[in-house]
Amino acid sequence: MPRESKKRLEYLLAHYLELPKDLVLDLPRVTIIGDMQVFVENHRGIIEYTPERVRVSTSLGELYIEGTGLALRNIFPEEIGVDGKIRAVTLLE
């Protein structure tokens, strides 16, 4: 089965069974709270961490979090939390 067809089938299954699509489709969930915090669920690990940039691997590509005074609040297999002055959050495929 082609990858596109499989993803479409998984999407429809999640929709009809009312399951969270981010979990069924292995999609990242990014929650931004003001300009102070970013939470990334369903990640695949940290690629780079500096006080100005955090790069996180996801199933869709790399998530760039840019700002000043960035600090990792928590690192769990299912979630990463970043605190600091958030300037930009970008997803690069």
PDB file of N, CA and C in Angstrom:
ATOM      1  N   MET A   1       0.847  -1.170   0.000  1.00  0.00           N
ATOM      2  CA  MET A   1       0.000   0.000   0.000  1.00  0.00           C
ATOM      3  C   MET A   1       0.896   1.238   0.000  1.00  0.00           C
ATOM      4  N   PRO A   2       0.661   2.184  -0.913  1.00  0.00           N
ATOM      5  CA  PRO A   2       1.471   3.408  -0.943  1.00  0.00           C
ATOM      6  C   PRO A   2       1.339   4.191   0.363  1.00  0.00           C
ATOM      7  N   ARG A   3       2.406   4.901   0.689  1.00  0.00           N
ATOM      8  CA  ARG A   3       2.453   5.653   1.954  1.00  0.00           C
ATOM      9  C   ARG A   3       1.298   6.648   2.076  1.00  0.00           C
ATOM     10  N   GLU A   4       0.980   7.355   0.994  1.00  0.00           N
ATOM     11  CA  GLU A   4      -0.107   8.343   1.017  1.00  0.00           C
ATOM     12  C   GLU A   4      -1.442   7.669   1.341  1.00  0.00           C
ATOM     13  N   SER A   5      -1.697   6.504   0.747  1.00  0.00           N
ATOM     14  CA  SER A   5      -2.951   5.785   0.990  1.00  0.00           C
ATOM     15  C   SER A   5      -3.030   5.306   2.432  1.00  0.00           C
ATOM     16  N   LYS A   6      -1.903   4.842   2.956  1.00  0.00           N
ATOM     17  CA  LYS A   6      -1.880   4.370   4.339  1.00  0.00           C
ATOM     18  C   LYS A   6      -2.167   5.516   5.305  1.00  0.00           C
ATOM     19  N   LYS A   7      -1.549   6.675   5.073  1.00  0.00           N
ATOM     20  CA  LYS A   7      -1.781   7.835   5.937  1.00  0.00           C
ATOM     21  C   LYS A   7      -3.240   8.268   5.871  1.00  0.00           C
ATOM     22  N   ARG A   8      -3.818   8.255   4.673  1.00  0.00           N
ATOM     23  CA  ARG A   8      -5.224   8.639   4.499  1.00  0.00           C
ATOM     24  C   ARG A   8      -6.137   7.680   5.257  1.00  0.00           C
ATOM     25  N   LEU A   9      -5.855   6.384   5.170  1.00  0.00           N
ATOM     26  CA  LEU A   9      -6.641   5.381   5.874  1.00  0.00           C
ATOM     27  C   LEU A   9      -6.527   5.575   7.387  1.00  0.00           C
ATOM     28  N   GLU A  10      -5.327   5.841   7.881  1.00  0.00           N
ATOM     29  CA  GLU A  10      -5.133   6.085   9.304  1.00  0.00           C
ATOM     30  C   GLU A  10      -5.882   7.332   9.752  1.00  0.00           C
ATOM     31  N   TYR A  11      -5.864   8.369   8.906  1.00  0.00           N
ATOM     32  CA  TYR A  11      -6.585   9.610   9.219  1.00  0.00           C
ATOM     33  C   TYR A  11      -8.082   9.340   9.338  1.00  0.00           C
ATOM     34  N   LEU A  12      -8.643   8.612   8.375  1.00  0.00           N
ATOM     35  CA  LEU A  12     -10.071   8.312   8.395  1.00  0.00           C
ATOM     36  C   LEU A  12     -10.436   7.448   9.603  1.00  0.00           C
ATOM     37  N   LEU A  13      -9.599   6.478   9.915  1.00  0.00           N
ATOM     38  CA  LEU A  13      -9.835   5.623  11.076  1.00  0.00           C
ATOM     39  C   LEU A  13      -9.851   6.457  12.359  1.00  0.00           C
ATOM     40  N   ALA A  14      -8.889   7.343  12.497  1.00  0.00           N
ATOM     41  CA  ALA A  14      -8.834   8.209  13.682  1.00  0.00           C
ATOM     42  C   ALA A  14     -10.071   9.095  13.759  1.00  0.00           C
ATOM     43  N   HIS A  15     -10.511   9.592  12.615  1.00  0.00           N
ATOM     44  CA  HIS A  15     -11.685  10.471  12.577  1.00  0.00           C
ATOM     45  C   HIS A  15     -12.940   9.711  13.007  1.00  0.00           C
ATOM     46  N   TYR A  16     -13.177   8.553  12.420  1.00  0.00           N
ATOM     47  CA  TYR A  16     -14.397   7.802  12.719  1.00  0.00           C
ATOM     48  C   TYR A  16     -14.413   7.223  14.121  1.00  0.00           C
ATOM     49  N   LEU A  17     -13.251   6.850  14.652  1.00  0.00           N
ATOM     50  CA  LEU A  17     -13.186   6.321  16.011  1.00  0.00           C
ATOM     51  C   LEU A  17     -13.000   7.414  17.052  1.00  0.00           C
ATOM     52  N   GLU A  18     -12.912   8.671  16.576  1.00  0.00           N
ATOM     53  CA  GLU A  18     -12.720   9.839  17.442  1.00  0.00           C
ATOM     54  C   GLU A  18     -11.482   9.706  18.319  1.00  0.00           C
ATOM     55  N   LEU A  19     -10.397   9.268  17.695  1.00  0.00           N
ATOM     56  CA  LEU A  19      -9.110   9.161  18.371  1.00  0.00           C
ATOM     57  C   LEU A  19      -8.270  10.393  18.061  1.00  0.00           C
ATOM     58  N   PRO A  20      -7.358  10.776  18.960  1.00  0.00           N
ATOM     59  CA  PRO A  20      -6.487  11.926  18.677  1.00  0.00           C
ATOM     60  C   PRO A  20      -5.620  11.658  17.441  1.00  0.00           C
ATOM     61  N   LYS A  21      -5.723  12.528  16.456  1.00  0.00           N
ATOM     62  CA  LYS A  21      -4.994  12.328  15.201  1.00  0.00           C
ATOM     63  C   LYS A  21      -3.479  12.412  15.388  1.00  0.00           C
ATOM     64  N   ASP A  22      -3.031  13.247  16.323  1.00  0.00           N
ATOM     65  CA  ASP A  22      -1.591  13.363  16.533  1.00  0.00           C
ATOM     66  C   ASP A  22      -0.992  12.047  17.027  1.00  0.00           C
ATOM     67  N   LEU A  23      -1.724  11.284  17.802  1.00  0.00           N
ATOM     68  CA  LEU A  23      -1.207  10.003  18.280  1.00  0.00           C
ATOM     69  C   LEU A  23      -1.296   8.923  17.215  1.00  0.00           C
ATOM     70  N   VAL A  24      -2.425   8.843  16.544  1.00  0.00           N
ATOM     71  CA  VAL A  24      -2.617   7.801  15.532  1.00  0.00           C
ATOM     72  C   VAL A  24      -1.666   7.998  14.360  1.00  0.00           C
ATOM     73  N   LEU A  25      -1.451   9.237  13.946  1.00  0.00           N
ATOM     74  CA  LEU A  25      -0.619   9.536  12.778  1.00  0.00           C
ATOM     75  C   LEU A  25       0.822   9.853  13.148  1.00  0.00           C
ATOM     76  N   ASP A  26       1.193   9.745  14.430  1.00  0.00           N
ATOM     77  CA  ASP A  26       2.545  10.042  14.905  1.00  0.00           C
ATOM     78  C   ASP A  26       2.971  11.461  14.530  1.00  0.00           C
ATOM     79  N   LEU A  27       2.065  12.406  14.745  1.00  0.00           N
ATOM     80  CA  LEU A  27       2.343  13.807  14.437  1.00  0.00           C
ATOM     81  C   LEU A  27       2.786  14.532  15.706  1.00  0.00           C
ATOM     82  N   PRO A  28       3.664  15.527  15.553  1.00  0.00           N
ATOM     83  CA  PRO A  28       4.055  16.299  16.731  1.00  0.00           C
ATOM     84  C   PRO A  28       2.911  17.220  17.163  1.00  0.00           C
ATOM     85  N   ARG A  29       2.820  17.437  18.457  1.00  0.00           N
ATOM     86  CA  ARG A  29       1.872  18.417  18.994  1.00  0.00           C
ATOM     87  C   ARG A  29       2.713  19.499  19.648  1.00  0.00           C
ATOM     88  N   VAL A  30       2.572  20.718  19.159  1.00  0.00           N
ATOM     89  CA  VAL A  30       3.353  21.846  19.659  1.00  0.00           C
ATOM     90  C   VAL A  30       2.399  22.814  20.353  1.00  0.00           C
ATOM     91  N   THR A  31       2.676  23.087  21.620  1.00  0.00           N
ATOM     92  CA  THR A  31       1.871  24.021  22.398  1.00  0.00           C
ATOM     93  C   THR A  31       2.749  25.209  22.759  1.00  0.00           C
ATOM     94  N   ILE A  32       2.299  26.396  22.390  1.00  0.00           N
ATOM     95  CA  ILE A  32       3.048  27.628  22.681  1.00  0.00           C
ATOM     96  C   ILE A  32       2.245  28.431  23.691  1.00  0.00           C
ATOM     97  N   ILE A  33       2.873  28.792  24.787  1.00  0.00           N
ATOM     98  CA  ILE A  33       2.227  29.583  25.819  1.00  0.00           C
ATOM     99  C   ILE A  33       2.877  30.961  25.821  1.00  0.00           C
ATOM    100  N   GLY A  34       2.146  31.922  25.259  1.00  0.00           N
ATOM    101  CA  GLY A  34       2.659  33.281  25.147  1.00  0.00           C
ATOM    102  C   GLY A  34       3.979  33.295  24.410  1.00  0.00           C
ATOM    103  N   ASP A  35       4.923  34.071  24.934  1.00  0.00           N
ATOM    104  CA  ASP A  35       6.276  34.089  24.367  1.00  0.00           C
ATOM    105  C   ASP A  35       7.271  33.538  25.389  1.00  0.00           C
ATOM    106  N   MET A  36       6.734  32.658  26.307  1.00  0.00           N
ATOM    107  CA  MET A  36       7.556  32.167  27.411  1.00  0.00           C
ATOM    108  C   MET A  36       7.843  30.675  27.379  1.00  0.00           C
ATOM    109  N   GLN A  37       6.940  29.869  26.796  1.00  0.00           N
ATOM    110  CA  GLN A  37       7.115  28.416  26.861  1.00  0.00           C
ATOM    111  C   GLN A  37       6.671  27.752  25.560  1.00  0.00           C
ATOM    112  N   VAL A  38       7.351  26.657  25.239  1.00  0.00           N
ATOM    113  CA  VAL A  38       6.963  25.794  24.129  1.00  0.00           C
ATOM    114  C   VAL A  38       7.050  24.350  24.617  1.00  0.00           C
ATOM    115  N   PHE A  39       5.994  23.584  24.381  1.00  0.00           N
ATOM    116  CA  PHE A  39       5.982  22.162  24.699  1.00  0.00           C
ATOM    117  C   PHE A  39       5.845  21.389  23.398  1.00  0.00           C
ATOM    118  N   VAL A  40       6.690  20.377  23.203  1.00  0.00           N
ATOM    119  CA  VAL A  40       6.664  19.551  21.999  1.00  0.00           C
ATOM    120  C   VAL A  40       6.411  18.111  22.433  1.00  0.00           C
ATOM    121  N   GLU A  41       5.275  17.576  22.000  1.00  0.00           N
ATOM    122  CA  GLU A  41       4.945  16.180  22.277  1.00  0.00           C
ATOM    123  C   GLU A  41       5.170  15.362  21.011  1.00  0.00           C
ATOM    124  N   ASN A  42       5.358  14.073  21.164  1.00  0.00           N
ATOM    125  CA  ASN A  42       5.597  13.146  20.044  1.00  0.00           C
ATOM    126  C   ASN A  42       6.848  13.528  19.254  1.00  0.00           C
ATOM    127  N   HIS A  43       7.909  13.877  19.947  1.00  0.00           N
ATOM    128  CA  HIS A  43       9.171  14.250  19.302  1.00  0.00           C
ATOM    129  C   HIS A  43      10.041  13.022  19.089  1.00  0.00           C
ATOM    130  N   ARG A  44      11.145  13.226  18.380  1.00  0.00           N
ATOM    131  CA  ARG A  44      12.094  12.135  18.139  1.00  0.00           C
ATOM    132  C   ARG A  44      13.483  12.449  18.677  1.00  0.00           C
ATOM    133  N   GLY A  45      13.591  13.492  19.478  1.00  0.00           N
ATOM    134  CA  GLY A  45      14.870  13.811  20.109  1.00  0.00           C
ATOM    135  C   GLY A  45      15.339  15.223  19.823  1.00  0.00           C
ATOM    136  N   ILE A  46      16.314  15.656  20.627  1.00  0.00           N
ATOM    137  CA  ILE A  46      16.900  16.994  20.483  1.00  0.00           C
ATOM    138  C   ILE A  46      18.108  16.895  19.573  1.00  0.00           C
ATOM    139  N   ILE A  47      18.171  17.772  18.582  1.00  0.00           N
ATOM    140  CA  ILE A  47      19.292  17.813  17.640  1.00  0.00           C
ATOM    141  C   ILE A  47      20.336  18.829  18.099  1.00  0.00           C
ATOM    142  N   GLU A  48      19.865  19.983  18.565  1.00  0.00           N
ATOM    143  CA  GLU A  48      20.771  21.060  18.985  1.00  0.00           C
ATOM    144  C   GLU A  48      20.128  21.827  20.125  1.00  0.00           C
ATOM    145  N   TYR A  49      20.956  22.261  21.066  1.00  0.00           N
ATOM    146  CA  TYR A  49      20.461  23.053  22.187  1.00  0.00           C
ATOM    147  C   TYR A  49      21.478  24.121  22.542  1.00  0.00           C
ATOM    148  N   THR A  50      21.081  25.385  22.402  1.00  0.00           N
ATOM    149  CA  THR A  50      21.874  26.533  22.846  1.00  0.00           C
ATOM    150  C   THR A  50      20.902  27.506  23.515  1.00  0.00           C
ATOM    151  N   PRO A  51      21.399  28.516  24.214  1.00  0.00           N
ATOM    152  CA  PRO A  51      20.487  29.497  24.819  1.00  0.00           C
ATOM    153  C   PRO A  51      19.692  30.314  23.782  1.00  0.00           C
ATOM    154  N   GLU A  52      20.099  30.263  22.511  1.00  0.00           N
ATOM    155  CA  GLU A  52      19.394  31.005  21.464  1.00  0.00           C
ATOM    156  C   GLU A  52      18.577  30.120  20.519  1.00  0.00           C
ATOM    157  N   ARG A  53      18.811  28.804  20.520  1.00  0.00           N
ATOM    158  CA  ARG A  53      18.132  27.924  19.568  1.00  0.00           C
ATOM    159  C   ARG A  53      18.019  26.511  20.115  1.00  0.00           C
ATOM    160  N   VAL A  54      16.846  25.913  19.881  1.00  0.00           N
ATOM    161  CA  VAL A  54      16.635  24.500  20.188  1.00  0.00           C
ATOM    162  C   VAL A  54      16.066  23.868  18.924  1.00  0.00           C
ATOM    163  N   ARG A  55      16.725  22.810  18.448  1.00  0.00           N
ATOM    164  CA  ARG A  55      16.245  22.072  17.276  1.00  0.00           C
ATOM    165  C   ARG A  55      15.785  20.703  17.739  1.00  0.00           C
ATOM    166  N   VAL A  56      14.552  20.350  17.357  1.00  0.00           N
ATOM    167  CA  VAL A  56      13.945  19.095  17.788  1.00  0.00           C
ATOM    168  C   VAL A  56      13.537  18.301  16.550  1.00  0.00           C
ATOM    169  N   SER A  57      13.848  17.026  16.527  1.00  0.00           N
ATOM    170  CA  SER A  57      13.449  16.162  15.426  1.00  0.00           C
ATOM    171  C   SER A  57      12.009  15.695  15.648  1.00  0.00           C
ATOM    172  N   THR A  58      11.194  15.752  14.570  1.00  0.00           N
ATOM    173  CA  THR A  58       9.819  15.259  14.618  1.00  0.00           C
ATOM    174  C   THR A  58       9.560  14.421  13.372  1.00  0.00           C
ATOM    175  N   SER A  59       8.416  13.789  13.332  1.00  0.00           N
ATOM    176  CA  SER A  59       8.064  12.969  12.165  1.00  0.00           C
ATOM    177  C   SER A  59       7.856  13.822  10.913  1.00  0.00           C
ATOM    178  N   LEU A  60       7.616  15.113  11.068  1.00  0.00           N
ATOM    179  CA  LEU A  60       7.415  16.004   9.925  1.00  0.00           C
ATOM    180  C   LEU A  60       8.670  16.743   9.502  1.00  0.00           C
ATOM    181  N   GLY A  61       9.721  16.673  10.289  1.00  0.00           N
ATOM    182  CA  GLY A  61      10.960  17.389  10.002  1.00  0.00           C
ATOM    183  C   GLY A  61      11.534  17.969  11.287  1.00  0.00           C
ATOM    184  N   GLU A  62      12.320  19.025  11.128  1.00  0.00           N
ATOM    185  CA  GLU A  62      12.955  19.660  12.290  1.00  0.00           C
ATOM    186  C   GLU A  62      12.140  20.861  12.752  1.00  0.00           C
ATOM    187  N   LEU A  63      11.945  20.936  14.052  1.00  0.00           N
ATOM    188  CA  LEU A  63      11.270  22.066  14.661  1.00  0.00           C
ATOM    189  C   LEU A  63      12.336  22.976  15.249  1.00  0.00           C
ATOM    190  N   TYR A  64      12.390  24.232  14.783  1.00  0.00           N
ATOM    191  CA  TYR A  64      13.345  25.222  15.287  1.00  0.00           C
ATOM    192  C   TYR A  64      12.621  26.130  16.266  1.00  0.00           C
ATOM    193  N   ILE A  65      13.171  26.251  17.463  1.00  0.00           N
ATOM    194  CA  ILE A  65      12.667  27.203  18.453  1.00  0.00           C
ATOM    195  C   ILE A  65      13.775  28.214  18.659  1.00  0.00           C
ATOM    196  N   GLU A  66      13.499  29.477  18.356  1.00  0.00           N
ATOM    197  CA  GLU A  66      14.509  30.531  18.478  1.00  0.00           C
ATOM    198  C   GLU A  66      14.072  31.547  19.520  1.00  0.00           C
ATOM    199  N   GLY A  67      15.049  32.089  20.250  1.00  0.00           N
ATOM    200  CA  GLY A  67      14.755  33.081  21.261  1.00  0.00           C
ATOM    201  C   GLY A  67      15.998  33.439  22.044  1.00  0.00           C
ATOM    202  N   THR A  68      15.791  33.935  23.248  1.00  0.00           N
ATOM    203  CA  THR A  68      16.908  34.288  24.126  1.00  0.00           C
ATOM    204  C   THR A  68      16.674  33.647  25.492  1.00  0.00           C
ATOM    205  N   GLY A  69      17.755  33.239  26.123  1.00  0.00           N
ATOM    206  CA  GLY A  69      17.678  32.622  27.439  1.00  0.00           C
ATOM    207  C   GLY A  69      16.898  31.320  27.441  1.00  0.00           C
ATOM    208  N   LEU A  70      16.975  30.567  26.352  1.00  0.00           N
ATOM    209  CA  LEU A  70      16.225  29.315  26.276  1.00  0.00           C
ATOM    210  C   LEU A  70      16.834  28.265  27.196  1.00  0.00           C
ATOM    211  N   ALA A  71      15.968  27.567  27.893  1.00  0.00           N
ATOM    212  CA  ALA A  71      16.400  26.500  28.803  1.00  0.00           C
ATOM    213  C   ALA A  71      15.412  25.348  28.681  1.00  0.00           C
ATOM    214  N   LEU A  72      15.940  24.137  28.730  1.00  0.00           N
ATOM    215  CA  LEU A  72      15.077  22.966  28.682  1.00  0.00           C
ATOM    216  C   LEU A  72      14.419  22.776  30.043  1.00  0.00           C
ATOM    217  N   ARG A  73      13.121  22.870  30.063  1.00  0.00           N
ATOM    218  CA  ARG A  73      12.368  22.726  31.314  1.00  0.00           C
ATOM    219  C   ARG A  73      12.267  21.262  31.702  1.00  0.00           C
ATOM    220  N   ASN A  74      11.941  20.435  30.733  1.00  0.00           N
ATOM    221  CA  ASN A  74      11.878  18.997  30.984  1.00  0.00           C
ATOM    222  C   ASN A  74      12.158  18.250  29.691  1.00  0.00           C
ATOM    223  N   ILE A  75      12.678  17.058  29.838  1.00  0.00           N
ATOM    224  CA  ILE A  75      12.949  16.185  28.698  1.00  0.00           C
ATOM    225  C   ILE A  75      12.434  14.799  29.083  1.00  0.00           C
ATOM    226  N   PHE A  76      11.359  14.421  28.448  1.00  0.00           N
ATOM    227  CA  PHE A  76      10.789  13.098  28.643  1.00  0.00           C
ATOM    228  C   PHE A  76      10.690  12.425  27.282  1.00  0.00           C
ATOM    229  N   PRO A  77      10.556  11.120  27.232  1.00  0.00           N
ATOM    230  CA  PRO A  77      10.414  10.448  25.935  1.00  0.00           C
ATOM    231  C   PRO A  77       9.212  10.954  25.136  1.00  0.00           C
ATOM    232  N   GLU A  78       8.179  11.437  25.818  1.00  0.00           N
ATOM    233  CA  GLU A  78       6.993  11.888  25.107  1.00  0.00           C
ATOM    234  C   GLU A  78       6.845  13.406  25.035  1.00  0.00           C
ATOM    235  N   GLU A  79       7.668  14.170  25.778  1.00  0.00           N
ATOM    236  CA  GLU A  79       7.507  15.627  25.785  1.00  0.00           C
ATOM    237  C   GLU A  79       8.807  16.342  26.104  1.00  0.00           C
ATOM    238  N   ILE A  80       8.974  17.493  25.459  1.00  0.00           N
ATOM    239  CA  ILE A  80      10.083  18.402  25.761  1.00  0.00           C
ATOM    240  C   ILE A  80       9.462  19.762  26.061  1.00  0.00           C
ATOM    241  N   GLY A  81       9.939  20.409  27.117  1.00  0.00           N
ATOM    242  CA  GLY A  81       9.487  21.755  27.459  1.00  0.00           C
ATOM    243  C   GLY A  81      10.651  22.719  27.381  1.00  0.00           C
ATOM    244  N   VAL A  82      10.423  23.868  26.745  1.00  0.00           N
ATOM    245  CA  VAL A  82      11.454  24.892  26.596  1.00  0.00           C
ATOM    246  C   VAL A  82      10.917  26.184  27.187  1.00  0.00           C
ATOM    247  N   ASP A  83      11.694  26.795  28.093  1.00  0.00           N
ATOM    248  CA  ASP A  83      11.361  28.089  28.694  1.00  0.00           C
ATOM    249  C   ASP A  83      12.315  29.148  28.173  1.00  0.00           C
ATOM    250  N   GLY A  84      11.912  30.396  28.215  1.00  0.00           N
ATOM    251  CA  GLY A  84      12.747  31.530  27.813  1.00  0.00           C
ATOM    252  C   GLY A  84      11.921  32.529  27.040  1.00  0.00           C
ATOM    253  N   LYS A  85      12.561  33.469  26.430  1.00  0.00           N
ATOM    254  CA  LYS A  85      11.888  34.468  25.585  1.00  0.00           C
ATOM    255  C   LYS A  85      11.822  33.883  24.166  1.00  0.00           C
ATOM    256  N   ILE A  86      10.650  33.385  23.777  1.00  0.00           N
ATOM    257  CA  ILE A  86      10.474  32.732  22.481  1.00  0.00           C
ATOM    258  C   ILE A  86      10.261  33.805  21.409  1.00  0.00           C
ATOM    259  N   ARG A  87      11.073  33.743  20.369  1.00  0.00           N
ATOM    260  CA  ARG A  87      10.960  34.695  19.262  1.00  0.00           C
ATOM    261  C   ARG A  87      10.292  34.061  18.045  1.00  0.00           C
ATOM    262  N   ALA A  88      10.579  32.779  17.775  1.00  0.00           N
ATOM    263  CA  ALA A  88      10.026  32.117  16.594  1.00  0.00           C
ATOM    264  C   ALA A  88      10.012  30.612  16.786  1.00  0.00           C
ATOM    265  N   VAL A  89       8.999  29.975  16.204  1.00  0.00           N
ATOM    266  CA  VAL A  89       8.917  28.514  16.151  1.00  0.00           C
ATOM    267  C   VAL A  89       8.663  28.170  14.688  1.00  0.00           C
ATOM    268  N   THR A  90       9.557  27.384  14.103  1.00  0.00           N
ATOM    269  CA  THR A  90       9.492  27.077  12.670  1.00  0.00           C
ATOM    270  C   THR A  90       9.630  25.576  12.462  1.00  0.00           C
ATOM    271  N   LEU A  91       8.825  25.043  11.529  1.00  0.00           N
ATOM    272  CA  LEU A  91       8.929  23.637  11.163  1.00  0.00           C
ATOM    273  C   LEU A  91       9.513  23.545   9.764  1.00  0.00           C
ATOM    274  N   LEU A  92      10.671  22.873   9.637  1.00  0.00           N
ATOM    275  CA  LEU A  92      11.326  22.692   8.345  1.00  0.00           C
ATOM    276  C   LEU A  92      11.252  21.221   7.966  1.00  0.00           C
ATOM    277  N   GLU A  93      10.715  20.957   6.782  1.00  0.00           N
ATOM    278  CA  GLU A  93      10.586  19.566   6.321  1.00  0.00           C
ATOM    279  C   GLU A  93      11.877  19.051   5.763  1.00  0.00           C
TER     280      GLU A  93
END
